[in-house]
Amino acid sequence: MVFGPLGDGDHMISGHKVRVTRSPEGVLYSRFNDRGEVVVSARLSQSLTLSLVPIEPASGPASGIVECLYLKLSTPIIVDSRDRVAMSLVAPVDYGVVAVGGDKSYNLVDSFPEASIPYKLALYGPPTQGVLCRFYRVDLEKPQGPGLAGVRVRVVNETGEVARVSSIVVPLDRVKVFYKPGTWVAMFNNISMILESRSVASIYPDPEPASADFEESPDVVRDGTRPIGYVVGRGEFKMVWGY
């Protein structure tokens, strides 16, 4: 399994069987469950091509309502006052099958999570105000593998005391996903986390790719998915319920 064009025939992607059939009537895409039943299908015009790309982890049972990626660090990061720490993490991505037109416009045909990564949800904040997140426990020693993307996080401590970081929450509508065609290697845009007080931190995404040989995946989570005020100022996300 690699990212890039999906040719005609059967393909196995994270335990999922997908089939692309081209005929004079057009292109038929199908995904099957482990019982051989079709769970997703779409018919496309002949001129469209299909590609497999990594996308924001917003698929699965909570598709359409997940707002953030909640990274829980198995090893907390301790940052001295007025200091900064940079770290490399891995976080989950989902798989997206997109139809691409000749004018490079696209439409998402199908999406699904990596089967080997436990699918967990968590609420960041209180029940009446919090945000629903795709939850992932980050092992700092875990290497990157299928279904995981690298992400570089810079933590800046602007408080007047030593700070402990155990959680990082990133809004999915500010995430960019990049991939290296012909491989399963994926990465997120860089993230800056500014610690403002004992309980408040701001998350700033850097939308630029970190390497020229990576291509940007289509965005599947759009801006303004809910009328809330937790994204403020220059587009930062405020973690106001601790980190």
C-alpha atoms as a PDB file:
ATOM      1  CA  MET A   1       0.000   0.000   0.000  1.00  0.00           C
ATOM      2  CA  VAL A   2       1.418   3.356  -1.060  1.00  0.00           C
ATOM      3  CA  PHE A   3      -0.012   6.820  -1.560  1.00  0.00           C
ATOM      4  CA  GLY A   4      -0.712   7.845  -5.104  1.00  0.00           C
ATOM      5  CA  PRO A   5      -2.923   6.824  -8.059  1.00  0.00           C
ATOM      6  CA  LEU A   6      -5.293   3.860  -7.663  1.00  0.00           C
ATOM      7  CA  GLY A   7      -5.307   1.803 -10.825  1.00  0.00           C
ATOM      8  CA  ASP A   8      -7.928  -0.647 -12.019  1.00  0.00           C
ATOM      9  CA  GLY A   9      -8.342  -3.869 -10.046  1.00  0.00           C
ATOM     10  CA  ASP A  10      -8.348  -4.890  -6.380  1.00  0.00           C
ATOM     11  CA  HIS A  11      -6.275  -3.209  -3.704  1.00  0.00           C
ATOM     12  CA  MET A  12      -5.757  -4.067  -0.028  1.00  0.00           C
ATOM     13  CA  ILE A  13      -5.486  -0.979   2.191  1.00  0.00           C
ATOM     14  CA  SER A  14      -5.161  -1.520   5.927  1.00  0.00           C
ATOM     15  CA  GLY A  15      -7.204  -4.705   5.768  1.00  0.00           C
ATOM     16  CA  HIS A  16      -9.831  -3.073   3.567  1.00  0.00           C
ATOM     17  CA  LYS A  17     -10.421  -4.433   0.083  1.00  0.00           C
ATOM     18  CA  VAL A  18     -11.176  -1.776  -2.495  1.00  0.00           C
ATOM     19  CA  ARG A  19     -11.922  -2.334  -6.165  1.00  0.00           C
ATOM     20  CA  VAL A  20     -11.673   0.016  -9.136  1.00  0.00           C
ATOM     21  CA  THR A  21     -13.492  -1.122 -12.276  1.00  0.00           C
ATOM     22  CA  ARG A  22     -13.374   0.900 -15.478  1.00  0.00           C
ATOM     23  CA  SER A  23     -15.905   0.351 -18.256  1.00  0.00           C
ATOM     24  CA  PRO A  24     -17.462   2.339 -21.137  1.00  0.00           C
ATOM     25  CA  GLU A  25     -20.119   3.497 -18.652  1.00  0.00           C
ATOM     26  CA  GLY A  26     -17.526   5.050 -16.342  1.00  0.00           C
ATOM     27  CA  VAL A  27     -15.517   4.080 -13.269  1.00  0.00           C
ATOM     28  CA  LEU A  28     -16.967   2.077 -10.387  1.00  0.00           C
ATOM     29  CA  TYR A  29     -15.313   2.314  -6.969  1.00  0.00           C
ATOM     30  CA  SER A  30     -16.231  -0.185  -4.239  1.00  0.00           C
ATOM     31  CA  ARG A  31     -15.001  -0.977  -0.714  1.00  0.00           C
ATOM     32  CA  PHE A  32     -15.810  -4.303   0.924  1.00  0.00           C
ATOM     33  CA  ASN A  33     -15.986  -5.468   4.536  1.00  0.00           C
ATOM     34  CA  ASP A  34     -14.419  -8.721   5.790  1.00  0.00           C
ATOM     35  CA  ARG A  35     -17.574 -10.621   4.773  1.00  0.00           C
ATOM     36  CA  GLY A  36     -17.209  -9.523   1.169  1.00  0.00           C
ATOM     37  CA  GLU A  37     -20.143  -7.114   1.357  1.00  0.00           C
ATOM     38  CA  VAL A  38     -19.984  -3.715  -0.342  1.00  0.00           C
ATOM     39  CA  VAL A  39     -19.980  -0.973   2.305  1.00  0.00           C
ATOM     40  CA  VAL A  40     -19.151   2.005   0.078  1.00  0.00           C
ATOM     41  CA  SER A  41     -19.579   2.444  -3.653  1.00  0.00           C
ATOM     42  CA  ALA A  42     -19.534   5.300  -6.129  1.00  0.00           C
ATOM     43  CA  ARG A  43     -19.770   5.625  -9.894  1.00  0.00           C
ATOM     44  CA  LEU A  44     -17.522   8.210 -11.501  1.00  0.00           C
ATOM     45  CA  SER A  45     -17.218   9.714 -14.932  1.00  0.00           C
ATOM     46  CA  GLN A  46     -14.625   8.227 -17.265  1.00  0.00           C
ATOM     47  CA  SER A  47     -12.340  11.272 -17.190  1.00  0.00           C
ATOM     48  CA  LEU A  48     -11.744  11.139 -13.425  1.00  0.00           C
ATOM     49  CA  THR A  49      -8.792   9.438 -11.771  1.00  0.00           C
ATOM     50  CA  LEU A  50      -8.651   7.989  -8.249  1.00  0.00           C
ATOM     51  CA  SER A  51      -5.853   8.499  -5.759  1.00  0.00           C
ATOM     52  CA  LEU A  52      -5.145   7.239  -2.250  1.00  0.00           C
ATOM     53  CA  VAL A  53      -3.940   9.993   0.075  1.00  0.00           C
ATOM     54  CA  PRO A  54      -3.538  10.512   3.830  1.00  0.00           C
ATOM     55  CA  ILE A  55      -6.101  12.884   5.303  1.00  0.00           C
ATOM     56  CA  GLU A  56      -7.012  14.473   8.619  1.00  0.00           C
ATOM     57  CA  PRO A  57      -8.127  11.839  11.188  1.00  0.00           C
ATOM     58  CA  ALA A  58     -11.814  12.777  11.062  1.00  0.00           C
ATOM     59  CA  SER A  59     -13.279   9.576   9.577  1.00  0.00           C
ATOM     60  CA  GLY A  60     -14.810   6.590  11.325  1.00  0.00           C
ATOM     61  CA  PRO A  61     -17.883   6.409  13.595  1.00  0.00           C
ATOM     62  CA  ALA A  62     -17.603  10.075  14.591  1.00  0.00           C
ATOM     63  CA  SER A  63     -17.200  11.389  11.053  1.00  0.00           C
ATOM     64  CA  GLY A  64     -18.581  14.904  10.705  1.00  0.00           C
ATOM     65  CA  ILE A  65     -18.520  15.751  14.414  1.00  0.00           C
ATOM     66  CA  VAL A  66     -14.872  15.323  15.412  1.00  0.00           C
ATOM     67  CA  GLU A  67     -13.291  18.753  15.744  1.00  0.00           C
ATOM     68  CA  CYS A  68      -9.787  18.279  17.128  1.00  0.00           C
ATOM     69  CA  LEU A  69      -6.876  15.893  17.438  1.00  0.00           C
ATOM     70  CA  TYR A  70      -6.099  15.215  21.108  1.00  0.00           C
ATOM     71  CA  LEU A  71      -2.515  13.991  21.603  1.00  0.00           C
ATOM     72  CA  LYS A  72      -1.868  12.579  25.071  1.00  0.00           C
ATOM     73  CA  LEU A  73       1.863  12.274  25.756  1.00  0.00           C
ATOM     74  CA  SER A  74       2.882   9.052  27.490  1.00  0.00           C
ATOM     75  CA  THR A  75       6.045  10.900  28.582  1.00  0.00           C
ATOM     76  CA  PRO A  76       5.312  14.480  29.757  1.00  0.00           C
ATOM     77  CA  ILE A  77       7.507  17.327  28.553  1.00  0.00           C
ATOM     78  CA  ILE A  78       8.980  19.596  31.242  1.00  0.00           C
ATOM     79  CA  VAL A  79       9.935  23.061  29.977  1.00  0.00           C
ATOM     80  CA  ASP A  80      11.879  25.622  31.975  1.00  0.00           C
ATOM     81  CA  SER A  81      10.582  29.166  32.385  1.00  0.00           C
ATOM     82  CA  ARG A  82      11.188  31.296  29.264  1.00  0.00           C
ATOM     83  CA  ASP A  83      12.629  28.280  27.461  1.00  0.00           C
ATOM     84  CA  ARG A  84      11.511  26.231  24.469  1.00  0.00           C
ATOM     85  CA  VAL A  85      11.619  22.587  23.432  1.00  0.00           C
ATOM     86  CA  ALA A  86      11.160  21.037  19.977  1.00  0.00           C
ATOM     87  CA  MET A  87      10.035  17.435  19.631  1.00  0.00           C
ATOM     88  CA  SER A  88       9.069  15.017  16.874  1.00  0.00           C
ATOM     89  CA  LEU A  89       5.865  13.027  17.386  1.00  0.00           C
ATOM     90  CA  VAL A  90       3.682  10.678  15.389  1.00  0.00           C
ATOM     91  CA  ALA A  91      -0.101  11.056  15.139  1.00  0.00           C
ATOM     92  CA  PRO A  92      -2.817   9.169  13.253  1.00  0.00           C
ATOM     93  CA  VAL A  93      -4.005   9.975   9.757  1.00  0.00           C
ATOM     94  CA  ASP A  94      -6.914   8.424   7.911  1.00  0.00           C
ATOM     95  CA  TYR A  95      -6.973   7.126   4.364  1.00  0.00           C
ATOM     96  CA  GLY A  96      -8.852   9.055   1.721  1.00  0.00           C
ATOM     97  CA  VAL A  97      -9.804   8.019  -1.789  1.00  0.00           C
ATOM     98  CA  VAL A  98     -10.239  11.138  -3.896  1.00  0.00           C
ATOM     99  CA  ALA A  99     -11.512  11.633  -7.429  1.00  0.00           C
ATOM    100  CA  VAL A 100      -9.320  14.105  -9.279  1.00  0.00           C
ATOM    101  CA  GLY A 101     -10.449  15.997 -12.360  1.00  0.00           C
ATOM    102  CA  GLY A 102      -8.378  17.290 -15.245  1.00  0.00           C
ATOM    103  CA  ASP A 103      -8.487  20.782 -13.746  1.00  0.00           C
ATOM    104  CA  LYS A 104      -7.021  19.390 -10.470  1.00  0.00           C
ATOM    105  CA  SER A 105     -10.288  19.890  -8.601  1.00  0.00           C
ATOM    106  CA  TYR A 106     -11.203  16.937  -6.411  1.00  0.00           C
ATOM    107  CA  ASN A 107     -13.960  15.246  -4.458  1.00  0.00           C
ATOM    108  CA  LEU A 108     -13.628  12.838  -1.544  1.00  0.00           C
ATOM    109  CA  VAL A 109     -15.091   9.470  -2.551  1.00  0.00           C
ATOM    110  CA  ASP A 110     -14.297   7.419   0.577  1.00  0.00           C
ATOM    111  CA  SER A 111     -12.358   7.647   3.840  1.00  0.00           C
ATOM    112  CA  PHE A 112     -11.552   5.265   6.671  1.00  0.00           C
ATOM    113  CA  PRO A 113      -9.121   4.966   9.616  1.00  0.00           C
ATOM    114  CA  GLU A 114      -6.086   2.698   9.820  1.00  0.00           C
ATOM    115  CA  ALA A 115      -7.423  -0.605  11.197  1.00  0.00           C
ATOM    116  CA  SER A 116      -4.351  -1.336  13.356  1.00  0.00           C
ATOM    117  CA  ILE A 117      -4.674   1.918  15.346  1.00  0.00           C
ATOM    118  CA  PRO A 118      -7.315   1.858  18.110  1.00  0.00           C
ATOM    119  CA  TYR A 119     -10.101   4.310  17.320  1.00  0.00           C
ATOM    120  CA  LYS A 120     -10.733   6.419  20.423  1.00  0.00           C
ATOM    121  CA  LEU A 121     -12.606   9.640  21.100  1.00  0.00           C
ATOM    122  CA  ALA A 122     -12.234  12.080  23.981  1.00  0.00           C
ATOM    123  CA  LEU A 123     -13.844  15.319  25.100  1.00  0.00           C
ATOM    124  CA  TYR A 124     -11.467  18.187  25.792  1.00  0.00           C
ATOM    125  CA  GLY A 125     -13.132  20.491  28.300  1.00  0.00           C
ATOM    126  CA  PRO A 126     -16.417  20.283  30.222  1.00  0.00           C
ATOM    127  CA  PRO A 127     -19.465  18.497  28.749  1.00  0.00           C
ATOM    128  CA  THR A 128     -21.335  21.725  27.960  1.00  0.00           C
ATOM    129  CA  GLN A 129     -18.405  23.597  26.374  1.00  0.00           C
ATOM    130  CA  GLY A 130     -15.779  21.074  25.397  1.00  0.00           C
ATOM    131  CA  VAL A 131     -14.778  19.881  21.942  1.00  0.00           C
ATOM    132  CA  LEU A 132     -14.962  16.313  20.654  1.00  0.00           C
ATOM    133  CA  CYS A 133     -11.551  14.987  19.675  1.00  0.00           C
ATOM    134  CA  ARG A 134      -9.930  12.040  17.985  1.00  0.00           C
ATOM    135  CA  PHE A 135      -7.774  10.736  20.831  1.00  0.00           C
ATOM    136  CA  TYR A 136      -4.294   9.242  20.447  1.00  0.00           C
ATOM    137  CA  ARG A 137      -1.771   8.335  23.114  1.00  0.00           C
ATOM    138  CA  VAL A 138       1.658   9.344  21.855  1.00  0.00           C
ATOM    139  CA  ASP A 139       4.650   7.161  22.622  1.00  0.00           C
ATOM    140  CA  LEU A 140       7.706   9.329  22.022  1.00  0.00           C
ATOM    141  CA  GLU A 141       9.737   6.233  21.160  1.00  0.00           C
ATOM    142  CA  LYS A 142       7.249   4.852  18.629  1.00  0.00           C
ATOM    143  CA  PRO A 143       8.570   4.952  15.047  1.00  0.00           C
ATOM    144  CA  GLN A 144       6.468   6.186  12.185  1.00  0.00           C
ATOM    145  CA  GLY A 145       4.488   3.507  10.375  1.00  0.00           C
ATOM    146  CA  PRO A 146       1.393   3.077   8.170  1.00  0.00           C
ATOM    147  CA  GLY A 147      -1.501   5.187   9.400  1.00  0.00           C
ATOM    148  CA  LEU A 148       0.821   7.509  11.313  1.00  0.00           C
ATOM    149  CA  ALA A 149       2.230  10.871  10.242  1.00  0.00           C
ATOM    150  CA  GLY A 150       5.182  12.720  11.668  1.00  0.00           C
ATOM    151  CA  VAL A 151       4.611  16.099  13.256  1.00  0.00           C
ATOM    152  CA  ARG A 152       7.138  18.562  14.632  1.00  0.00           C
ATOM    153  CA  VAL A 153       5.945  20.439  17.729  1.00  0.00           C
ATOM    154  CA  ARG A 154       7.679  23.462  19.234  1.00  0.00           C
ATOM    155  CA  VAL A 155       6.721  24.228  22.841  1.00  0.00           C
ATOM    156  CA  VAL A 156       7.505  27.739  24.087  1.00  0.00           C
ATOM    157  CA  ASN A 157       7.103  28.471  27.788  1.00  0.00           C
ATOM    158  CA  GLU A 158       6.212  32.127  28.291  1.00  0.00           C
ATOM    159  CA  THR A 159       5.163  31.647  31.906  1.00  0.00           C
ATOM    160  CA  GLY A 160       7.333  32.593  34.852  1.00  0.00           C
ATOM    161  CA  GLU A 161       7.682  29.023  36.109  1.00  0.00           C
ATOM    162  CA  VAL A 162       8.621  25.499  35.037  1.00  0.00           C
ATOM    163  CA  ALA A 163       5.745  23.973  33.032  1.00  0.00           C
ATOM    164  CA  ARG A 164       4.626  20.392  32.425  1.00  0.00           C
ATOM    165  CA  VAL A 165       2.956  19.475  29.115  1.00  0.00           C
ATOM    166  CA  SER A 166       0.981  16.232  28.940  1.00  0.00           C
ATOM    167  CA  SER A 167      -1.582  17.053  26.232  1.00  0.00           C
ATOM    168  CA  ILE A 168      -1.650  18.830  22.896  1.00  0.00           C
ATOM    169  CA  VAL A 169      -4.995  19.619  21.228  1.00  0.00           C
ATOM    170  CA  VAL A 170      -4.978  20.698  17.581  1.00  0.00           C
ATOM    171  CA  PRO A 171      -8.104  21.797  15.635  1.00  0.00           C
ATOM    172  CA  LEU A 172      -8.487  19.626  12.546  1.00  0.00           C
ATOM    173  CA  ASP A 173      -9.594  22.522  10.355  1.00  0.00           C
ATOM    174  CA  ARG A 174      -6.109  24.021  10.857  1.00  0.00           C
ATOM    175  CA  VAL A 175      -4.229  20.804  10.035  1.00  0.00           C
ATOM    176  CA  LYS A 176      -2.439  20.217   6.747  1.00  0.00           C
ATOM    177  CA  VAL A 177      -1.366  16.720   5.701  1.00  0.00           C
ATOM    178  CA  PHE A 178       1.508  16.030   3.307  1.00  0.00           C
ATOM    179  CA  TYR A 179       2.735  12.775   1.788  1.00  0.00           C
ATOM    180  CA  LYS A 180       5.568  11.409  -0.296  1.00  0.00           C
ATOM    181  CA  PRO A 181       4.059   9.818  -3.453  1.00  0.00           C
ATOM    182  CA  GLY A 182       4.916   6.186  -3.974  1.00  0.00           C
ATOM    183  CA  THR A 183       5.434   5.592  -0.241  1.00  0.00           C
ATOM    184  CA  TRP A 184       3.281   5.390   2.911  1.00  0.00           C
ATOM    185  CA  VAL A 185       5.235   8.288   4.477  1.00  0.00           C
ATOM    186  CA  ALA A 186       3.047  11.196   5.647  1.00  0.00           C
ATOM    187  CA  MET A 187       3.506  14.274   7.777  1.00  0.00           C
ATOM    188  CA  PHE A 188       1.512  17.091   9.322  1.00  0.00           C
ATOM    189  CA  ASN A 189       2.412  20.755   9.195  1.00  0.00           C
ATOM    190  CA  ASN A 190       4.557  21.980  12.072  1.00  0.00           C
ATOM    191  CA  ILE A 191       2.811  23.079  15.270  1.00  0.00           C
ATOM    192  CA  SER A 192       3.819  25.754  17.785  1.00  0.00           C
ATOM    193  CA  MET A 193       2.442  25.554  21.312  1.00  0.00           C
ATOM    194  CA  ILE A 194       2.774  28.734  23.365  1.00  0.00           C
ATOM    195  CA  LEU A 195       2.295  28.262  27.124  1.00  0.00           C
ATOM    196  CA  GLU A 196       0.662  31.451  28.417  1.00  0.00           C
ATOM    197  CA  SER A 197      -0.229  30.433  31.987  1.00  0.00           C
ATOM    198  CA  ARG A 198      -0.570  27.328  34.134  1.00  0.00           C
ATOM    199  CA  SER A 199      -3.714  26.249  32.302  1.00  0.00           C
ATOM    200  CA  VAL A 200      -3.800  28.136  28.986  1.00  0.00           C
ATOM    201  CA  ALA A 201      -1.802  27.478  25.835  1.00  0.00           C
ATOM    202  CA  SER A 202      -2.173  28.683  22.238  1.00  0.00           C
ATOM    203  CA  ILE A 203      -1.697  26.363  19.265  1.00  0.00           C
ATOM    204  CA  TYR A 204      -0.365  27.931  16.061  1.00  0.00           C
ATOM    205  CA  PRO A 205      -0.159  25.757  12.919  1.00  0.00           C
ATOM    206  CA  ASP A 206       2.426  26.395  10.241  1.00  0.00           C
ATOM    207  CA  PRO A 207       0.719  25.561   6.918  1.00  0.00           C
ATOM    208  CA  GLU A 208       3.969  25.308   4.952  1.00  0.00           C
ATOM    209  CA  PRO A 209       5.422  21.865   4.067  1.00  0.00           C
ATOM    210  CA  ALA A 210       8.686  20.925   5.729  1.00  0.00           C
ATOM    211  CA  SER A 211      10.139  19.251   2.638  1.00  0.00           C
ATOM    212  CA  ALA A 212       9.866  19.959  -1.073  1.00  0.00           C
ATOM    213  CA  ASP A 213       9.431  16.283  -2.049  1.00  0.00           C
ATOM    214  CA  PHE A 214       6.107  16.045  -0.202  1.00  0.00           C
ATOM    215  CA  GLU A 215       2.751  16.791  -1.802  1.00  0.00           C
ATOM    216  CA  GLU A 216      -0.192  18.333   0.039  1.00  0.00           C
ATOM    217  CA  SER A 217      -3.290  16.195   0.535  1.00  0.00           C
ATOM    218  CA  PRO A 218      -6.709  17.715  -0.148  1.00  0.00           C
ATOM    219  CA  ASP A 219      -8.399  19.294   2.878  1.00  0.00           C
ATOM    220  CA  VAL A 220     -11.444  17.334   3.967  1.00  0.00           C
ATOM    221  CA  VAL A 221     -12.173  19.288   7.157  1.00  0.00           C
ATOM    222  CA  ARG A 222     -13.341  22.773   6.263  1.00  0.00           C
ATOM    223  CA  ASP A 223     -13.081  26.029   8.202  1.00  0.00           C
ATOM    224  CA  GLY A 224     -16.102  27.081  10.227  1.00  0.00           C
ATOM    225  CA  THR A 225     -17.347  23.601  11.039  1.00  0.00           C
ATOM    226  CA  ARG A 226     -19.114  24.995  14.114  1.00  0.00           C
ATOM    227  CA  PRO A 227     -19.959  28.523  15.323  1.00  0.00           C
ATOM    228  CA  ILE A 228     -17.590  28.682  18.297  1.00  0.00           C
ATOM    229  CA  GLY A 229     -15.131  31.146  19.686  1.00  0.00           C
ATOM    230  CA  TYR A 230     -12.205  28.955  20.587  1.00  0.00           C
ATOM    231  CA  VAL A 231     -10.296  29.978  17.449  1.00  0.00           C
ATOM    232  CA  VAL A 232      -9.275  33.576  17.904  1.00  0.00           C
ATOM    233  CA  GLY A 233      -6.856  36.259  16.826  1.00  0.00           C
ATOM    234  CA  ARG A 234      -4.428  35.086  14.165  1.00  0.00           C
ATOM    235  CA  GLY A 235      -6.003  31.644  13.878  1.00  0.00           C
ATOM    236  CA  GLU A 236      -4.629  30.121  17.059  1.00  0.00           C
ATOM    237  CA  PHE A 237      -6.511  27.572  19.097  1.00  0.00           C
ATOM    238  CA  LYS A 238      -6.763  28.293  22.807  1.00  0.00           C
ATOM    239  CA  MET A 239      -6.327  25.339  25.143  1.00  0.00           C
ATOM    240  CA  VAL A 240      -8.128  26.918  28.082  1.00  0.00           C
ATOM    241  CA  TRP A 241      -8.759  23.777  30.153  1.00  0.00           C
ATOM    242  CA  GLY A 242      -5.181  22.771  30.794  1.00  0.00           C
ATOM    243  CA  TYR A 243      -2.389  21.022  28.978  1.00  0.00           C
END
